[in-house]
Amino acid sequence: MLVARVLQKGQIVIPKEARKKANLAPGDRVEVRITAEGIVIVPFKKSYTESFRGLVKGKLSLEELEKLYAEKS
């Protein structure tokens, strides 16, 4: 069982083992769902082009990159 503590400002540190299994990196976003059983934290799905953000320098916007990718598919 993985356990996390809620900090004073409401922050939760996701245990390292869970971050590795979920392939989470600093800056990644997660979705917080409230269910009948409690709280569920799920990695927020990135678009294909968003996963490469910051790797290529240029002047194209994310929308322009997604349009180019869609045209090639």
Protein backbone atom coordinates (compact mmCIF):
# COMPACT_ATOMS: atom_id res chain seq x y z
CA MET A 1 0.00 0.00 0.00
CA LEU A 2 1.30 3.45 -0.91
CA VAL A 3 0.54 6.24 1.55
CA ALA A 4 0.77 10.00 1.06
CA ARG A 5 0.35 12.82 3.55
CA VAL A 6 -1.69 15.97 2.92
CA LEU A 7 0.50 18.99 3.64
CA GLN A 8 -0.60 22.26 5.24
CA LYS A 9 -1.50 23.93 1.90
CA GLY A 10 -3.47 20.87 0.71
CA GLN A 11 -0.58 19.52 -1.37
CA ILE A 12 -0.02 15.79 -1.72
CA VAL A 13 3.31 14.22 -2.59
CA ILE A 14 2.75 11.18 -4.82
CA PRO A 15 5.13 8.42 -3.69
CA LYS A 16 8.10 7.79 -6.01
CA GLU A 17 7.00 4.22 -6.81
CA ALA A 18 3.56 5.45 -7.93
CA ARG A 19 5.09 8.28 -10.04
CA LYS A 20 7.38 5.78 -11.79
CA LYS A 21 4.54 3.34 -12.54
CA ALA A 22 2.31 6.17 -13.84
CA ASN A 23 5.22 7.70 -15.80
CA LEU A 24 4.73 11.08 -14.11
CA ALA A 25 7.39 13.79 -14.25
CA PRO A 26 7.64 17.20 -12.58
CA GLY A 27 5.16 19.59 -14.19
CA ASP A 28 2.81 16.83 -15.40
CA ARG A 29 -0.86 17.37 -14.70
CA VAL A 30 -3.17 14.90 -12.96
CA GLU A 31 -6.95 14.69 -12.81
CA VAL A 32 -8.55 14.44 -9.37
CA ARG A 33 -11.82 12.52 -9.34
CA ILE A 34 -14.22 12.31 -6.41
CA THR A 35 -15.94 8.91 -6.27
CA ALA A 36 -18.20 7.13 -3.79
CA GLU A 37 -15.09 5.31 -2.51
CA GLY A 38 -12.98 8.46 -2.10
CA ILE A 39 -10.45 10.41 -4.17
CA VAL A 40 -8.83 8.99 -7.31
CA ILE A 41 -5.80 10.66 -8.94
CA VAL A 42 -5.34 9.88 -12.64
CA PRO A 43 -2.59 11.12 -15.00
CA PHE A 44 -4.01 13.76 -17.36
CA LYS A 45 -3.62 12.51 -20.93
CA LYS A 46 -1.39 14.63 -23.12
CA SER A 47 -1.93 15.10 -26.82
CA TYR A 48 0.74 13.60 -29.07
CA THR A 49 2.30 16.97 -29.88
CA GLU A 50 2.07 18.23 -26.30
CA SER A 51 4.25 15.31 -25.18
CA PHE A 52 7.08 16.84 -27.27
CA ARG A 53 6.64 20.39 -25.95
CA GLY A 54 9.99 22.04 -25.32
CA LEU A 55 12.00 19.52 -27.36
CA VAL A 56 11.91 21.40 -30.65
CA LYS A 57 12.63 25.10 -30.99
CA GLY A 58 10.56 27.02 -33.47
CA LYS A 59 7.72 29.43 -33.97
CA LEU A 60 4.82 27.02 -34.54
CA SER A 61 2.01 26.97 -31.98
CA LEU A 62 0.71 23.73 -30.49
CA GLU A 63 -2.40 24.02 -32.66
CA GLU A 64 -0.27 24.41 -35.82
CA LEU A 65 1.82 21.38 -34.90
CA GLU A 66 -1.31 19.27 -34.29
CA LYS A 67 -2.71 20.37 -37.65
CA LEU A 68 0.52 19.35 -39.41
CA TYR A 69 0.49 16.00 -37.62
CA ALA A 70 -3.16 15.40 -38.60
CA GLU A 71 -2.36 16.15 -42.26
CA LYS A 72 0.45 13.57 -42.26
CA SER A 73 -1.71 10.83 -40.68
